[in-house]
Amino acid sequence: MKILVIFTGGTIGCTVNDGYLSTDTAKTYSLIELYNGLGLIPVDFTYDEPYTLLSENVTGEHLSLLGKCLQSHATEDYDGIIVTHGTDTIQYSAAAMSYLLPNLQIPVMFVSSNLVLDNPAGNGLDNFAHAVEFIANKRGQGVFAVYRNNDGIVYVHRGTRLLPHLPYSDELFSVGNAYYAKYDNKCYSFGPLYHCNSCEKVWALRLPADWSSDIVRFFPYPGMSYPELSNGTRAILLDTYHSGTLCSITPGMNAFFEDAANRNIPVFVAGAENGTAYDSVKAWKQLQICTLPKASPIAMYIKLWMAMESEELLETVSLEKIMLTPISDDIV
């Protein structure tokens, strides 16, 4: 069995120096040595390394480097690909690769670690071993993330379904708890909603072209004020409270959305499904805002960014149509 391992850094490739975690290229390959020492499924590993950094420093440029690396290997004779990545931004990278390669015929498994590999309490080696098992047993196609949570269960998530981390937590969850599968006491089982949604069309979205997305994204909080828009703003993405609401009496709300409309800046709301809603929703639903279906807000941010880069596609399909169409099983 042949597996390509793409190293990008993160805690799974770090050591502790003077009380700080830092990437260590030599440490990266110790992951393979540790896996081989387990005596599990024998694998012919090959390697690539498009960049090495802590994942909190990932930008559009790094997403492009990783995407181009994957594209260069996707048609080669591998049973699967494993991408080692930091936990902080694994959701963003996994979503981006899912939208880049929606027709992928092999599994691409993102793995990370909550602690350095030297720490026996860490989950990095366990995550890596289960990624190998997933590939070896042909459990699925497309982009996934494998992670052992604090309950001791190793979950497999679709790359487009990962939610933001809770504060002070490294655990990974899928939107609506719609994980793909899990390994519990060495028993493998599919999740409640592992089947892909049928798509009207499958579009491969383009990689980010620049460091910045130029998307204004913000979150509701008591006492908030709306930000100023600049001439470089390309789109707006609003997150909501858990009930799909925003404050409807925030001063400046109407002026903000009027300014966006006058500038022809598209506005999207993530986290608010269409249907029965609270009375406070009326105020902003009457504005020129597209309410996105149930999906990970992180995935919707990446989808919006990559859709705006897909200029040829936008000549025939509206941005709103792309955002509302399931791609790579992003909509639950």
Protein backbone atom coordinates (compact mmCIF):
# COMPACT_ATOMS: atom_id res chain seq x y z
CA MET A 1 0.00 0.00 0.00
CA LYS A 2 1.31 3.43 -0.99
CA ILE A 3 0.52 6.57 1.00
CA LEU A 4 1.82 10.07 0.39
CA VAL A 5 2.40 12.09 3.56
CA ILE A 6 2.37 15.88 3.13
CA PHE A 7 4.01 17.65 6.05
CA THR A 8 3.01 21.27 6.78
CA GLY A 9 4.09 21.71 10.40
CA GLY A 10 1.83 22.24 13.39
CA THR A 11 2.12 20.72 16.87
CA ILE A 12 2.42 17.25 15.34
CA GLY A 13 5.82 18.39 14.00
CA CYS A 14 6.95 20.52 16.94
CA THR A 15 9.38 20.39 19.83
CA VAL A 16 9.49 22.47 23.01
CA ASN A 17 12.36 24.98 23.15
CA ASP A 18 12.75 27.40 26.05
CA GLY A 19 9.12 26.94 27.00
CA TYR A 20 7.79 27.60 23.48
CA LEU A 21 6.52 25.23 20.80
CA SER A 22 8.31 25.57 17.48
CA THR A 23 8.33 23.56 14.27
CA ASP A 24 11.16 21.05 13.91
CA THR A 25 11.79 19.49 10.50
CA ALA A 26 13.73 16.61 12.03
CA LYS A 27 10.82 15.90 14.35
CA THR A 28 8.41 15.68 11.45
CA TYR A 29 9.69 12.35 10.21
CA SER A 30 9.72 10.81 13.68
CA LEU A 31 5.97 10.41 13.23
CA ILE A 32 6.65 7.79 10.57
CA GLU A 33 9.19 6.03 12.78
CA LEU A 34 6.70 5.94 15.64
CA TYR A 35 4.00 4.53 13.36
CA ASN A 36 6.30 1.85 11.95
CA GLY A 37 7.18 0.88 15.51
CA LEU A 38 3.55 0.02 16.24
CA GLY A 39 3.69 -3.02 13.94
CA LEU A 40 0.36 -2.22 12.31
CA ILE A 41 -0.47 -2.07 8.60
CA PRO A 42 2.76 -1.98 6.55
CA VAL A 43 2.91 1.07 4.30
CA ASP A 44 5.21 2.34 1.57
CA PHE A 45 5.38 6.03 2.55
CA THR A 46 6.57 8.84 0.30
CA TYR A 47 6.74 12.49 1.32
CA ASP A 48 6.32 16.10 0.29
CA GLU A 49 6.59 19.34 2.27
CA PRO A 50 5.17 22.49 0.59
CA TYR A 51 5.82 24.60 3.71
CA THR A 52 6.47 24.28 7.43
CA LEU A 53 4.86 26.60 9.97
CA LEU A 54 2.55 26.81 12.95
CA SER A 55 -0.98 26.63 11.59
CA GLU A 56 -2.14 29.89 13.18
CA ASN A 57 0.09 31.57 10.59
CA VAL A 58 -1.70 30.04 7.59
CA THR A 59 -2.71 32.59 4.94
CA GLY A 60 -4.22 32.43 1.47
CA GLU A 61 -0.72 31.89 0.10
CA HIS A 62 -0.29 28.74 2.18
CA LEU A 63 -3.68 27.39 1.16
CA SER A 64 -2.55 27.82 -2.45
CA LEU A 65 0.77 26.10 -1.82
CA LEU A 66 -0.97 23.14 -0.18
CA GLY A 67 -3.59 22.98 -2.92
CA LYS A 68 -1.03 22.99 -5.71
CA CYS A 69 0.91 20.27 -3.90
CA LEU A 70 -2.20 18.10 -3.66
CA GLN A 71 -3.14 18.75 -7.28
CA SER A 72 0.32 17.66 -8.41
CA HIS A 73 -0.06 14.30 -6.64
CA ALA A 74 -3.82 13.62 -6.91
CA THR A 75 -3.54 11.57 -10.11
CA GLU A 76 -0.51 9.57 -9.01
CA ASP A 77 -0.72 5.95 -7.93
CA TYR A 78 -1.45 6.38 -4.22
CA ASP A 79 -4.02 4.58 -2.12
CA GLY A 80 -4.43 7.76 -0.12
CA ILE A 81 -2.79 10.95 1.12
CA ILE A 82 -2.23 12.12 4.70
CA VAL A 83 -1.71 15.82 5.44
CA THR A 84 -0.17 16.66 8.81
CA HIS A 85 -1.45 20.01 10.02
CA GLY A 86 -1.81 22.17 13.11
CA THR A 87 -5.11 22.17 14.97
CA ASP A 88 -5.74 25.93 14.94
CA THR A 89 -6.65 26.21 11.25
CA ILE A 90 -7.18 22.60 10.20
CA GLN A 91 -10.85 23.40 9.51
CA TYR A 92 -9.92 26.08 6.96
CA SER A 93 -7.34 23.99 5.10
CA ALA A 94 -9.53 20.88 5.00
CA ALA A 95 -12.46 22.89 3.62
CA ALA A 96 -10.28 24.56 1.00
CA MET A 97 -8.90 21.23 -0.25
CA SER A 98 -12.45 19.82 -0.34
CA TYR A 99 -13.63 22.62 -2.63
CA LEU A 100 -10.50 22.39 -4.76
CA LEU A 101 -10.85 18.64 -5.37
CA PRO A 102 -14.57 17.73 -5.25
CA ASN A 103 -14.10 14.72 -7.56
CA LEU A 104 -11.24 13.15 -5.63
CA GLN A 105 -11.22 9.35 -6.00
CA ILE A 106 -8.93 8.62 -3.04
CA PRO A 107 -9.08 9.73 0.61
CA VAL A 108 -7.06 12.74 1.75
CA MET A 109 -6.81 12.59 5.53
CA PHE A 110 -5.90 15.64 7.64
CA VAL A 111 -4.27 14.69 10.93
CA SER A 112 -3.02 16.84 13.78
CA SER A 113 -2.02 16.49 17.42
CA ASN A 114 -3.05 18.18 20.64
CA LEU A 115 0.44 17.71 22.13
CA VAL A 116 3.94 17.14 20.82
CA LEU A 117 4.71 13.58 19.80
CA ASP A 118 7.12 13.12 22.72
CA ASN A 119 4.19 13.46 25.12
CA PRO A 120 2.49 10.06 25.59
CA ALA A 121 -0.80 11.81 26.39
CA GLY A 122 -0.95 13.30 22.90
CA ASN A 123 -3.30 11.99 20.23
CA GLY A 124 -1.17 12.65 17.13
CA LEU A 125 0.09 9.11 16.61
CA ASP A 126 -3.37 7.68 17.25
CA ASN A 127 -4.90 10.06 14.70
CA PHE A 128 -2.24 9.14 12.14
CA ALA A 129 -2.68 5.39 12.69
CA HIS A 130 -6.44 5.64 12.20
CA ALA A 131 -5.93 7.67 9.03
CA VAL A 132 -3.79 4.82 7.68
CA GLU A 133 -6.49 2.30 8.66
CA PHE A 134 -9.15 4.38 6.91
CA ILE A 135 -7.10 4.45 3.70
CA ALA A 136 -6.15 0.77 3.87
CA ASN A 137 -9.75 -0.36 4.25
CA LYS A 138 -11.09 2.02 1.59
CA ARG A 139 -13.55 3.67 3.99
CA GLY A 140 -14.33 6.63 1.74
CA GLN A 141 -13.24 9.13 -0.91
CA GLY A 142 -12.64 12.85 -0.59
CA VAL A 143 -11.16 15.04 2.12
CA PHE A 144 -11.47 14.12 5.81
CA ALA A 145 -10.05 15.06 9.20
CA VAL A 146 -9.31 12.40 11.81
CA TYR A 147 -9.18 13.37 15.47
CA ARG A 148 -9.44 11.69 18.89
CA ASN A 149 -11.54 13.79 21.23
CA ASN A 150 -11.44 13.79 25.01
CA ASP A 151 -14.03 11.01 25.14
CA GLY A 152 -11.36 8.67 23.76
CA ILE A 153 -13.23 8.18 20.48
CA VAL A 154 -11.50 8.85 17.17
CA TYR A 155 -13.87 10.69 14.84
CA VAL A 156 -13.65 11.05 11.07
CA HIS A 157 -15.10 14.32 9.79
CA ARG A 158 -15.85 15.55 6.30
CA GLY A 159 -13.44 18.34 5.43
CA THR A 160 -16.31 20.77 4.83
CA ARG A 161 -18.22 20.06 8.05
CA LEU A 162 -15.75 21.05 10.76
CA LEU A 163 -16.89 23.62 13.31
CA PRO A 164 -14.70 26.21 15.04
CA HIS A 165 -12.98 25.05 18.20
CA LEU A 166 -14.54 25.90 21.53
CA PRO A 167 -12.35 28.22 23.65
CA TYR A 168 -9.48 26.35 25.35
CA SER A 169 -10.38 23.12 23.54
CA ASP A 170 -8.63 21.25 20.74
CA GLU A 171 -11.54 18.87 20.10
CA LEU A 172 -13.08 18.66 16.63
CA PHE A 173 -16.80 18.43 15.90
CA SER A 174 -18.93 18.37 12.76
CA VAL A 175 -21.85 20.74 12.22
CA GLY A 176 -25.06 19.14 13.48
CA ASN A 177 -22.89 16.32 14.91
CA ALA A 178 -22.91 14.95 11.36
CA TYR A 179 -19.52 13.26 11.54
CA TYR A 180 -18.64 10.76 8.81
CA ALA A 181 -17.58 7.88 11.06
CA LYS A 182 -15.92 6.97 14.34
CA TYR A 183 -13.61 4.39 15.89
CA ASP A 184 -14.92 3.42 19.33
CA ASN A 185 -13.19 0.60 21.24
CA LYS A 186 -11.62 -0.60 17.96
CA CYS A 187 -15.08 -0.80 16.38
CA TYR A 188 -15.68 1.24 13.22
CA SER A 189 -19.10 2.70 12.50
CA PHE A 190 -20.53 5.31 10.16
CA GLY A 191 -22.04 8.50 11.53
CA PRO A 192 -25.71 9.51 11.38
CA LEU A 193 -25.36 11.48 8.13
CA TYR A 194 -22.33 10.16 6.32
CA HIS A 195 -23.85 9.92 2.84
CA CYS A 196 -23.04 12.76 0.44
CA ASN A 197 -25.76 15.15 -0.58
CA SER A 198 -26.55 15.00 -4.26
CA CYS A 199 -25.21 18.08 -6.04
CA GLU A 200 -26.81 19.74 -9.02
CA LYS A 201 -23.31 20.21 -10.39
CA VAL A 202 -19.81 19.65 -9.10
CA TRP A 203 -17.64 22.73 -9.36
CA ALA A 204 -13.96 22.76 -8.53
CA LEU A 205 -13.36 26.17 -7.00
CA ARG A 206 -10.11 28.06 -7.46
CA LEU A 207 -7.39 28.51 -4.88
CA PRO A 208 -6.89 31.87 -3.16
CA ALA A 209 -4.73 34.19 -5.24
CA ASP A 210 -3.56 36.48 -2.46
CA TRP A 211 -2.62 36.56 1.21
CA SER A 212 -5.95 38.16 2.16
CA SER A 213 -9.53 37.24 1.27
CA ASP A 214 -10.84 40.83 1.53
CA ILE A 215 -13.99 39.37 3.10
CA VAL A 216 -15.40 41.21 6.12
CA ARG A 217 -16.47 38.52 8.58
CA PHE A 218 -17.78 39.32 12.04
CA PHE A 219 -19.73 37.83 14.92
CA PRO A 220 -22.62 39.19 17.02
CA TYR A 221 -22.09 40.23 20.63
CA PRO A 222 -23.96 42.54 23.02
CA GLY A 223 -22.95 46.13 22.47
CA MET A 224 -21.46 45.48 19.04
CA SER A 225 -21.05 48.11 16.34
CA TYR A 226 -20.82 47.51 12.62
CA PRO A 227 -17.39 48.01 11.01
CA GLU A 228 -16.50 50.49 8.30
CA LEU A 229 -16.40 49.11 4.77
CA SER A 230 -13.44 49.84 2.51
CA ASN A 231 -13.15 50.01 -1.26
CA GLY A 232 -11.30 46.68 -1.17
CA THR A 233 -14.12 44.74 0.52
CA ARG A 234 -15.33 41.99 -1.80
CA ALA A 235 -17.99 40.32 0.35
CA ILE A 236 -19.46 40.20 3.86
CA LEU A 237 -20.10 37.10 5.93
CA LEU A 238 -22.01 37.39 9.20
CA ASP A 239 -22.07 34.67 11.81
CA THR A 240 -25.10 34.49 14.13
CA TYR A 241 -25.96 33.47 17.64
CA HIS A 242 -26.76 29.75 18.01
CA SER A 243 -30.46 30.42 17.35
CA GLY A 244 -29.71 32.01 13.99
CA THR A 245 -30.23 35.56 15.24
CA LEU A 246 -28.47 38.91 15.15
CA CYS A 247 -29.21 42.00 17.22
CA SER A 248 -31.96 43.83 15.31
CA ILE A 249 -31.61 47.12 17.22
CA THR A 250 -27.88 47.75 16.82
CA PRO A 251 -27.37 51.39 15.82
CA GLY A 252 -25.99 51.71 12.32
CA MET A 253 -27.26 48.33 11.10
CA ASN A 254 -29.44 49.70 8.32
CA ALA A 255 -26.76 52.18 7.25
CA PHE A 256 -24.17 49.40 7.11
CA PHE A 257 -26.27 47.22 4.81
CA GLU A 258 -27.29 50.19 2.69
CA ASP A 259 -23.62 51.03 2.24
CA ALA A 260 -22.92 47.42 1.23
CA ALA A 261 -25.75 47.49 -1.30
CA ASN A 262 -24.57 50.79 -2.78
CA ARG A 263 -21.09 49.32 -3.18
CA ASN A 264 -22.52 46.10 -4.73
CA ILE A 265 -20.93 44.05 -1.96
CA PRO A 266 -22.72 40.70 -1.51
CA VAL A 267 -23.77 39.86 2.05
CA PHE A 268 -24.24 36.32 3.42
CA VAL A 269 -25.36 35.04 6.81
CA ALA A 270 -24.09 31.72 8.18
CA GLY A 271 -25.74 29.85 11.04
CA ALA A 272 -29.33 30.88 10.33
CA GLU A 273 -31.48 28.35 8.49
CA ASN A 274 -34.53 29.44 6.54
CA GLY A 275 -37.81 28.61 8.23
CA THR A 276 -39.44 29.61 11.51
CA ALA A 277 -37.38 32.33 13.19
CA TYR A 278 -37.48 34.84 16.01
CA ASP A 279 -39.11 38.21 15.54
CA SER A 280 -35.70 39.91 15.64
CA VAL A 281 -34.80 38.20 12.35
CA LYS A 282 -37.39 40.24 10.42
CA ALA A 283 -35.29 43.40 10.50
CA TRP A 284 -32.31 41.99 8.63
CA LYS A 285 -34.20 39.48 6.47
CA GLN A 286 -35.79 42.41 4.65
CA LEU A 287 -32.34 43.61 3.60
CA GLN A 288 -30.31 42.31 0.66
CA ILE A 289 -28.82 39.40 2.57
CA CYS A 290 -28.49 35.77 1.45
CA THR A 291 -29.20 33.30 4.25
CA LEU A 292 -26.99 30.24 3.81
CA PRO A 293 -28.24 26.70 4.52
CA LYS A 294 -27.07 24.59 7.45
CA ALA A 295 -23.32 24.27 7.06
CA SER A 296 -20.10 25.03 8.88
CA PRO A 297 -19.49 28.81 8.97
CA ILE A 298 -15.80 28.13 8.40
CA ALA A 299 -16.56 26.12 5.27
CA MET A 300 -18.89 28.86 4.05
CA TYR A 301 -16.14 31.44 4.52
CA ILE A 302 -13.66 29.35 2.52
CA LYS A 303 -16.30 28.56 -0.12
CA LEU A 304 -17.08 32.26 -0.52
CA TRP A 305 -13.39 33.14 -0.81
CA MET A 306 -12.67 30.45 -3.42
CA ALA A 307 -15.90 31.13 -5.34
CA MET A 308 -14.90 34.77 -5.77
CA GLU A 309 -11.57 33.59 -7.17
CA SER A 310 -13.39 31.43 -9.75
CA GLU A 311 -13.87 34.19 -12.30
CA GLU A 312 -14.66 31.94 -15.26
CA LEU A 313 -17.33 30.12 -13.26
CA LEU A 314 -18.89 33.41 -12.16
CA GLU A 315 -19.39 34.36 -15.80
CA THR A 316 -22.07 31.65 -16.06
CA VAL A 317 -23.18 31.02 -12.44
CA SER A 318 -24.08 33.60 -9.78
CA LEU A 319 -22.13 33.78 -6.54
CA GLU A 320 -25.35 33.14 -4.61
CA LYS A 321 -26.05 30.01 -6.67
CA ILE A 322 -22.60 28.64 -5.87
CA MET A 323 -23.02 29.35 -2.17
CA LEU A 324 -26.41 27.62 -2.02
CA THR A 325 -25.36 24.52 -4.00
CA PRO A 326 -23.92 21.54 -2.07
CA ILE A 327 -20.26 20.96 -2.91
CA SER A 328 -18.16 18.24 -1.30
CA ASP A 329 -20.98 17.42 1.11
CA ASP A 330 -20.79 20.79 2.86
CA ILE A 331 -24.54 21.31 3.38
CA VAL A 332 -26.10 19.10 6.05
